[in-house]
């Protein structure tokens, strides 16, 4: 199963995904799941998680990085667990907030 690193951005609380690492070692974070670096095996997943954890400790721009399982559906990545679906989309009680309010491309 494929995995990505998810975290919360401290500046505004938004959910972000590890999307890259610059040559300086600084991690890049994306708001969209489809932009995330994908780990196809456990070794790569642990490598990406270590990058996220180092970023949280060193720069303190994100908090609580962890791995989530994802699957490709219709050419897009989707979380496999309901908790992560909710976390990726936003509040479930108001569909006019969060990423679901931005439409299917969000």
C-alpha atoms as a PDB file:
ATOM      1  CA  UNK A   1       0.000   0.000   0.000  1.00  0.00           C
ATOM      2  CA  UNK A   2       1.252   3.474  -0.834  1.00  0.00           C
ATOM      3  CA  UNK A   3       1.725   6.081   1.886  1.00  0.00           C
ATOM      4  CA  UNK A   4       2.300   9.833   2.206  1.00  0.00           C
ATOM      5  CA  UNK A   5       3.282  12.102   5.094  1.00  0.00           C
ATOM      6  CA  UNK A   6       0.529  14.342   6.448  1.00  0.00           C
ATOM      7  CA  UNK A   7       0.919  17.111   9.048  1.00  0.00           C
ATOM      8  CA  UNK A   8      -0.674  20.328  10.283  1.00  0.00           C
ATOM      9  CA  UNK A   9       0.824  23.697   9.397  1.00  0.00           C
ATOM     10  CA  UNK A  10       1.330  25.776  12.539  1.00  0.00           C
ATOM     11  CA  UNK A  11       0.742  29.176  10.938  1.00  0.00           C
ATOM     12  CA  UNK A  12      -2.903  28.478  10.106  1.00  0.00           C
ATOM     13  CA  UNK A  13      -3.744  24.880  11.105  1.00  0.00           C
ATOM     14  CA  UNK A  14      -4.187  23.685   7.513  1.00  0.00           C
ATOM     15  CA  UNK A  15      -3.492  20.071   6.653  1.00  0.00           C
ATOM     16  CA  UNK A  16      -0.375  19.738   4.498  1.00  0.00           C
ATOM     17  CA  UNK A  17       1.451  16.924   2.708  1.00  0.00           C
ATOM     18  CA  UNK A  18       5.189  16.413   2.276  1.00  0.00           C
ATOM     19  CA  UNK A  19       5.745  17.363  -1.357  1.00  0.00           C
ATOM     20  CA  UNK A  20       9.507  17.633  -1.734  1.00  0.00           C
ATOM     21  CA  UNK A  21      12.862  18.317  -0.181  1.00  0.00           C
ATOM     22  CA  UNK A  22      15.135  21.117  -1.359  1.00  0.00           C
ATOM     23  CA  UNK A  23      18.883  20.632  -1.757  1.00  0.00           C
ATOM     24  CA  UNK A  24      19.248  22.597   1.497  1.00  0.00           C
ATOM     25  CA  UNK A  25      17.289  19.893   3.321  1.00  0.00           C
ATOM     26  CA  UNK A  26      14.223  22.080   3.861  1.00  0.00           C
ATOM     27  CA  UNK A  27      10.972  20.242   3.233  1.00  0.00           C
ATOM     28  CA  UNK A  28       8.273  21.590   0.938  1.00  0.00           C
ATOM     29  CA  UNK A  29       4.655  21.103   1.974  1.00  0.00           C
ATOM     30  CA  UNK A  30       1.590  21.167  -0.279  1.00  0.00           C
ATOM     31  CA  UNK A  31      -2.070  21.738   0.481  1.00  0.00           C
ATOM     32  CA  UNK A  32      -3.131  19.161  -2.109  1.00  0.00           C
ATOM     33  CA  UNK A  33      -2.787  15.420  -1.551  1.00  0.00           C
ATOM     34  CA  UNK A  34      -1.985  14.834  -5.234  1.00  0.00           C
ATOM     35  CA  UNK A  35       1.229  16.859  -4.813  1.00  0.00           C
ATOM     36  CA  UNK A  36       2.549  14.603  -2.028  1.00  0.00           C
ATOM     37  CA  UNK A  37       5.660  12.467  -2.338  1.00  0.00           C
ATOM     38  CA  UNK A  38       4.470   8.877  -2.591  1.00  0.00           C
ATOM     39  CA  UNK A  39       6.141   6.007  -0.750  1.00  0.00           C
ATOM     40  CA  UNK A  40       5.531   2.659  -2.419  1.00  0.00           C
ATOM     41  CA  UNK A  41       7.414   0.613   0.196  1.00  0.00           C
ATOM     42  CA  UNK A  42       8.091   0.689   3.931  1.00  0.00           C
ATOM     43  CA  UNK A  43      11.709   1.850   3.610  1.00  0.00           C
ATOM     44  CA  UNK A  44      10.708   4.896   1.547  1.00  0.00           C
ATOM     45  CA  UNK A  45       7.783   5.594   3.884  1.00  0.00           C
ATOM     46  CA  UNK A  46      10.109   5.673   6.890  1.00  0.00           C
ATOM     47  CA  UNK A  47      12.549   7.910   4.997  1.00  0.00           C
ATOM     48  CA  UNK A  48       9.791  10.416   4.210  1.00  0.00           C
ATOM     49  CA  UNK A  49       8.476  10.294   7.770  1.00  0.00           C
ATOM     50  CA  UNK A  50      11.979  11.023   9.100  1.00  0.00           C
ATOM     51  CA  UNK A  51      12.121  14.091   6.833  1.00  0.00           C
ATOM     52  CA  UNK A  52       8.776  15.294   8.206  1.00  0.00           C
ATOM     53  CA  UNK A  53       9.795  14.689  11.810  1.00  0.00           C
ATOM     54  CA  UNK A  54      13.093  16.535  11.298  1.00  0.00           C
ATOM     55  CA  UNK A  55      11.202  19.453   9.776  1.00  0.00           C
ATOM     56  CA  UNK A  56       8.847  19.580  12.757  1.00  0.00           C
ATOM     57  CA  UNK A  57      11.749  19.562  15.206  1.00  0.00           C
ATOM     58  CA  UNK A  58      14.098  21.906  13.334  1.00  0.00           C
ATOM     59  CA  UNK A  59      11.908  24.580  11.751  1.00  0.00           C
ATOM     60  CA  UNK A  60       8.707  24.165  13.735  1.00  0.00           C
ATOM     61  CA  UNK A  61       6.529  25.111  10.770  1.00  0.00           C
ATOM     62  CA  UNK A  62       4.465  21.913  10.981  1.00  0.00           C
ATOM     63  CA  UNK A  63       3.335  19.643  13.782  1.00  0.00           C
ATOM     64  CA  UNK A  64       2.511  15.962  14.160  1.00  0.00           C
ATOM     65  CA  UNK A  65       3.738  14.477  10.873  1.00  0.00           C
ATOM     66  CA  UNK A  66       2.627  10.889  10.313  1.00  0.00           C
ATOM     67  CA  UNK A  67       2.053   8.408   7.516  1.00  0.00           C
ATOM     68  CA  UNK A  68      -1.333   7.731   5.961  1.00  0.00           C
ATOM     69  CA  UNK A  69      -2.333   5.035   3.505  1.00  0.00           C
ATOM     70  CA  UNK A  70      -3.489   6.247   0.113  1.00  0.00           C
ATOM     71  CA  UNK A  71      -4.831   4.644  -3.038  1.00  0.00           C
ATOM     72  CA  UNK A  72      -5.075   5.953  -6.572  1.00  0.00           C
ATOM     73  CA  UNK A  73      -8.641   6.303  -7.831  1.00  0.00           C
ATOM     74  CA  UNK A  74      -9.456   7.919 -11.140  1.00  0.00           C
ATOM     75  CA  UNK A  75      -5.954   9.309 -11.474  1.00  0.00           C
ATOM     76  CA  UNK A  76      -6.017  11.001  -8.059  1.00  0.00           C
ATOM     77  CA  UNK A  77      -4.766  10.012  -4.630  1.00  0.00           C
ATOM     78  CA  UNK A  78      -7.370   9.302  -1.960  1.00  0.00           C
ATOM     79  CA  UNK A  79      -6.903   8.420   1.715  1.00  0.00           C
ATOM     80  CA  UNK A  80      -8.046   4.874   2.492  1.00  0.00           C
ATOM     81  CA  UNK A  81      -9.272   5.577   6.043  1.00  0.00           C
ATOM     82  CA  UNK A  82     -12.376   7.647   6.767  1.00  0.00           C
ATOM     83  CA  UNK A  83     -10.598   9.714   9.449  1.00  0.00           C
ATOM     84  CA  UNK A  84      -8.064  10.896   6.896  1.00  0.00           C
ATOM     85  CA  UNK A  85     -10.743  11.615   4.289  1.00  0.00           C
ATOM     86  CA  UNK A  86     -12.356  13.987   6.780  1.00  0.00           C
ATOM     87  CA  UNK A  87      -9.014  15.512   7.727  1.00  0.00           C
ATOM     88  CA  UNK A  88      -8.128  16.116   4.079  1.00  0.00           C
ATOM     89  CA  UNK A  89     -11.467  17.720   3.190  1.00  0.00           C
ATOM     90  CA  UNK A  90     -12.324  19.749   6.265  1.00  0.00           C
ATOM     91  CA  UNK A  91     -15.324  20.018   8.600  1.00  0.00           C
ATOM     92  CA  UNK A  92     -18.160  17.573   7.942  1.00  0.00           C
ATOM     93  CA  UNK A  93     -20.909  19.689   9.463  1.00  0.00           C
ATOM     94  CA  UNK A  94     -20.509  22.594   7.044  1.00  0.00           C
ATOM     95  CA  UNK A  95     -19.806  21.764   3.434  1.00  0.00           C
ATOM     96  CA  UNK A  96     -19.188  25.452   2.700  1.00  0.00           C
ATOM     97  CA  UNK A  97     -15.892  25.265   4.649  1.00  0.00           C
ATOM     98  CA  UNK A  98     -12.668  23.396   4.018  1.00  0.00           C
ATOM     99  CA  UNK A  99     -11.436  21.866   0.806  1.00  0.00           C
ATOM    100  CA  UNK A 100     -14.825  20.411  -0.123  1.00  0.00           C
ATOM    101  CA  UNK A 101     -16.062  23.992  -0.515  1.00  0.00           C
ATOM    102  CA  UNK A 102     -13.349  24.590  -3.112  1.00  0.00           C
ATOM    103  CA  UNK A 103     -14.761  21.917  -5.426  1.00  0.00           C
ATOM    104  CA  UNK A 104     -13.533  18.601  -6.788  1.00  0.00           C
ATOM    105  CA  UNK A 105     -10.173  19.991  -7.908  1.00  0.00           C
ATOM    106  CA  UNK A 106      -9.253  20.839  -4.294  1.00  0.00           C
END
